[in-house]
């Protein structure tokens, strides 16, 4: 006589028990908590770096005063800068001459690292190109400070008008 035998498989354990038996360190939840804390810290630092109001350079007098009101091509333009610098970061300075007739002349970019604090200095680093047409001009300085990996801060200052003569 034949008898019919049923084979049953034992129930499989739930997935959480499976991982707990194979990897006991996962049962504590510690790596998950540390990962979440690390992600929250990185997110908070990113927000701080991107939006915190860093103070770099604040001009006390605007526009900067021109000490040589008439300049010939090839001569330095001397102006007086009155500022307060609040950071140790160096700046990349883009200089542009804007004429009354709508002309503009881009000058070479320079790097500078002014000392922190409030100062009044005379600058003669800007040489008017010999090819500059005669007329009235204003010098615009664009100082760009790289304050952190996520942010650059740009400060624009201008000088009084001056004359370029032949």
Protein backbone atom coordinates (compact mmCIF):
# COMPACT_ATOMS: atom_id res chain seq x y z
CA UNK A 1 0.00 0.00 0.00
CA UNK A 2 1.16 3.36 -0.94
CA UNK A 3 0.99 6.14 1.48
CA UNK A 4 1.15 9.71 0.55
CA UNK A 5 3.60 11.78 2.51
CA UNK A 6 3.55 15.55 2.44
CA UNK A 7 6.75 17.40 2.82
CA UNK A 8 6.56 20.82 4.33
CA UNK A 9 9.38 23.28 4.42
CA UNK A 10 9.99 25.14 7.61
CA UNK A 11 8.91 28.79 7.49
CA UNK A 12 11.68 31.17 6.53
CA UNK A 13 12.65 33.72 9.15
CA UNK A 14 11.68 37.35 8.54
CA UNK A 15 14.27 39.43 6.64
CA UNK A 16 15.25 41.45 9.69
CA UNK A 17 16.10 38.27 11.60
CA UNK A 18 18.08 37.04 8.61
CA UNK A 19 20.26 40.16 8.62
CA UNK A 20 20.58 40.10 12.37
CA UNK A 21 21.92 36.60 12.35
CA UNK A 22 24.31 37.22 9.47
CA UNK A 23 25.38 40.79 10.45
CA UNK A 24 24.82 41.48 14.13
CA UNK A 25 26.16 45.04 13.90
CA UNK A 26 23.18 45.97 11.71
CA UNK A 27 20.70 45.18 14.47
CA UNK A 28 21.84 48.11 16.61
CA UNK A 29 21.07 50.77 13.99
CA UNK A 30 24.34 52.52 14.85
CA UNK A 31 25.73 52.83 11.29
CA UNK A 32 22.42 54.25 10.11
CA UNK A 33 22.39 56.85 12.89
CA UNK A 34 26.00 57.83 12.27
CA UNK A 35 25.34 58.14 8.55
CA UNK A 36 22.30 60.34 9.12
CA UNK A 37 24.24 62.52 11.55
CA UNK A 38 27.09 62.86 9.07
CA UNK A 39 24.70 63.80 6.26
CA UNK A 40 22.98 66.37 8.48
CA UNK A 41 26.34 67.90 9.44
CA UNK A 42 27.41 68.15 5.79
CA UNK A 43 24.06 69.72 4.87
CA UNK A 44 24.33 72.27 7.72
CA UNK A 45 27.89 73.19 6.71
CA UNK A 46 26.78 73.61 3.09
CA UNK A 47 23.98 75.96 4.13
CA UNK A 48 26.39 77.93 6.33
CA UNK A 49 28.98 78.20 3.55
CA UNK A 50 26.48 79.21 0.92
CA UNK A 51 24.37 81.74 2.82
CA UNK A 52 26.27 83.13 5.80
CA UNK A 53 26.87 86.89 5.29
CA UNK A 54 30.68 86.98 5.15
CA UNK A 55 32.17 90.46 5.45
CA UNK A 56 35.11 90.99 3.11
CA UNK A 57 35.85 94.58 2.05
CA UNK A 58 33.76 97.62 2.87
CA UNK A 59 34.67 100.95 1.23
CA UNK A 60 34.34 103.80 3.73
CA UNK A 61 34.38 106.50 1.03
CA UNK A 62 32.73 105.93 -2.31
CA UNK A 63 33.79 106.86 -4.95
CA UNK A 64 37.52 106.65 -4.26
CA UNK A 65 39.28 110.01 -4.53
CA UNK A 66 41.50 110.67 -7.58
CA UNK A 67 44.86 112.32 -6.79
CA UNK A 68 45.93 112.81 -10.42
CA UNK A 69 42.96 114.35 -12.20
CA UNK A 70 44.72 114.56 -15.60
CA UNK A 71 46.65 111.51 -16.84
CA UNK A 72 48.41 110.81 -20.13
CA UNK A 73 48.49 107.39 -21.76
CA UNK A 74 51.26 105.25 -20.24
CA UNK A 75 51.20 107.06 -16.89
CA UNK A 76 49.93 105.60 -13.60
CA UNK A 77 46.60 106.71 -12.21
CA UNK A 78 46.95 107.56 -8.52
CA UNK A 79 43.88 107.28 -6.31
CA UNK A 80 43.20 107.08 -2.59
CA UNK A 81 41.38 104.00 -1.29
CA UNK A 82 39.62 104.28 2.07
CA UNK A 83 38.39 100.84 3.14
CA UNK A 84 37.89 98.35 5.96
CA UNK A 85 38.88 94.78 5.15
CA UNK A 86 37.35 92.09 7.38
CA UNK A 87 39.04 88.94 6.05
CA UNK A 88 42.52 87.54 5.45
CA UNK A 89 41.52 86.17 2.04
CA UNK A 90 43.35 87.49 -1.04
CA UNK A 91 41.37 89.13 -3.83
CA UNK A 92 41.46 88.92 -7.60
CA UNK A 93 41.03 92.46 -8.94
CA UNK A 94 39.51 93.11 -12.35
CA UNK A 95 40.04 96.72 -13.46
CA UNK A 96 38.02 98.51 -16.13
CA UNK A 97 38.12 102.10 -17.39
CA UNK A 98 34.66 103.43 -18.34
CA UNK A 99 34.53 106.51 -20.58
CA UNK A 100 31.79 109.12 -20.81
CA UNK A 101 31.30 108.27 -24.48
CA UNK A 102 30.40 104.64 -23.73
CA UNK A 103 33.88 103.25 -24.33
CA UNK A 104 35.45 100.87 -21.88
CA UNK A 105 38.98 99.55 -21.59
CA UNK A 106 39.69 96.30 -19.76
CA UNK A 107 42.99 96.29 -17.90
CA UNK A 108 44.99 93.22 -16.80
CA UNK A 109 43.65 91.34 -13.79
CA UNK A 110 45.85 91.39 -10.70
CA UNK A 111 45.90 89.54 -7.37
CA UNK A 112 46.20 91.46 -4.14
CA UNK A 113 46.16 90.70 -0.44
CA UNK A 114 45.47 93.92 1.43
CA UNK A 115 46.05 93.81 5.19
CA UNK A 116 42.94 93.37 7.35
CA UNK A 117 41.61 96.41 9.21
CA UNK A 118 40.68 99.96 8.24
CA UNK A 119 43.20 101.80 6.07
CA UNK A 120 43.63 104.79 3.78
CA UNK A 121 46.16 103.94 1.05
CA UNK A 122 47.34 105.54 -2.15
CA UNK A 123 47.45 103.22 -5.13
CA UNK A 124 49.47 103.73 -8.30
CA UNK A 125 49.17 100.19 -9.68
CA UNK A 126 46.81 101.13 -12.52
CA UNK A 127 48.60 102.38 -15.63
CA UNK A 128 46.40 104.03 -18.25
CA UNK A 129 47.11 102.37 -21.62
CA UNK A 130 48.94 104.48 -24.18
CA UNK A 131 46.20 103.64 -26.68
CA UNK A 132 43.40 105.09 -24.49
CA UNK A 133 41.50 107.78 -26.40
CA UNK A 134 41.35 111.19 -24.71
CA UNK A 135 38.28 111.89 -22.60
CA UNK A 136 36.73 111.59 -19.14
CA UNK A 137 36.90 108.18 -17.46
CA UNK A 138 36.01 106.36 -14.27
CA UNK A 139 37.99 103.38 -12.95
CA UNK A 140 35.92 100.44 -11.70
CA UNK A 141 37.58 97.82 -9.51
CA UNK A 142 35.88 94.44 -9.09
CA UNK A 143 37.40 92.54 -6.15
CA UNK A 144 36.52 88.84 -5.98
CA UNK A 145 37.18 86.99 -2.71
CA UNK A 146 37.16 83.18 -2.61
CA UNK A 147 35.88 82.71 0.95
CA UNK A 148 35.20 78.95 0.85
CA UNK A 149 34.72 76.03 -1.51
CA UNK A 150 31.13 77.00 -2.30
CA UNK A 151 31.26 80.76 -2.48
CA UNK A 152 32.97 83.76 -4.05
CA UNK A 153 32.07 87.27 -2.88
CA UNK A 154 32.39 90.19 -5.30
CA UNK A 155 32.80 93.83 -4.24
CA UNK A 156 32.69 96.67 -6.78
CA UNK A 157 34.18 100.11 -6.14
CA UNK A 158 34.61 103.14 -8.40
CA UNK A 159 36.81 106.18 -8.50
CA UNK A 160 35.94 109.78 -9.22
CA UNK A 161 36.12 110.93 -12.84
CA UNK A 162 39.52 111.79 -14.28
CA UNK A 163 40.74 113.01 -17.65
CA UNK A 164 42.97 111.16 -20.09
CA UNK A 165 44.89 113.67 -22.23
CA UNK A 166 47.12 113.21 -25.24
